[in-house]
């Protein structure tokens, strides 16, 4: 009769039963993929995250040990059907309980967004630090998100001397590669931010899609409270809808901060020009300004520039004209003229060659989403745009 021992994964607490001959060898937990040394934990009481289940050694030992196990034809009791792994995974990764409400107030609203005030002690609460929903904090998109961390840069040592060098955002990894983790399970995968004291070093994630820049999306700060002694956190959220969603998540639908936010009529901020981050607007103003009676429609950035360089180049479209800027080139086309746009795909990149009868061609690099946004915007303005497709 094969002798068995209980094995508990030191990472997730999964409890399995394996052959005693595997003590001292490496194994890999099927639940969390942690690699650890097999030790005899017989007699250890079952915890909340443990299940008294048998598990075949095959599939969670490393490849060399899998082969040895197959050769020896060892086997243990099969997994009972009453507690399938999928059900435990769903329970393990359930979203944080939003019934918990946190004290938060609206500080002010300006062209940089809505700014909320709260005690630094809230940063110790995992539910609070999981308050941002898994959508882009700028546009609301839910696909191809990257995880960023709120960086309380004012608490970095030497802030006065090196403050200009501190980053506005810290991108960690792609959310899709985390297998649907949320809440505390996601926070457990994120490292603390070095050189920051508690609780400011604790990971506080938000999310961005590939098309949106982190500049001005989240503006964190720590300052003295009104009593002049204690500290208070200030968190600015640029996008109106995401600001409202955040404050409702942490304070509930009836909290004073949410009501104050709505009274400020933050959604008047949805004007397409004012919806652009302040830094982006400042750069665009270097080569474009609205004329009398003109209405701004959309800005299309150029793909040859990074997200952090948004505003330096691209197309500014109004209800009267299209203005293109890239490096030293600037082209202006009235919408009353016929515009020819030739879409050329080369080396996996899309290029839009834009021209009219009286202007020299302009070359804009844009992905499919931005190209379609430009096409639809021109159509809504009644522009005479002729789109052509070509292969390089």
Foldseek 3Di string as FASTA:
>chain_A
DFDWAWWADPPQGEIEIEGPVQQQAWWADPQPRDIDGTHGPPPDDRDPRYDPFYDYRAPTGPPVVNVVCVVVVDDDDHGDPPDDPVVSVCVVQPADDLVAAFDKAWDDQDLLATKIKDALVCLVDQNLLQLQDQAALQPRHNPFKWKKFQAQLVQAPPCVPCVVVDDRIHTDGTPVVPPNHGTPRVQVVDAFQPRGDPPNRRGRIYIRHQVAASVSQKDKYKDADPVRPGIMIMIGGNHLVSVLSRNCSRHNPPDPRNVVSVVVVCVVCVQQQSSDRPVLNVLLVVPDDDDPPKGWDHWQAFPVDHNVPHNPFGWTDILFWIWGDDDPDIDIGTLVFAKEWEWEADPNWIWTFIDTPPTDTDIGTDDPVSVVVVVVSSVVSVGNYHYHYDYD
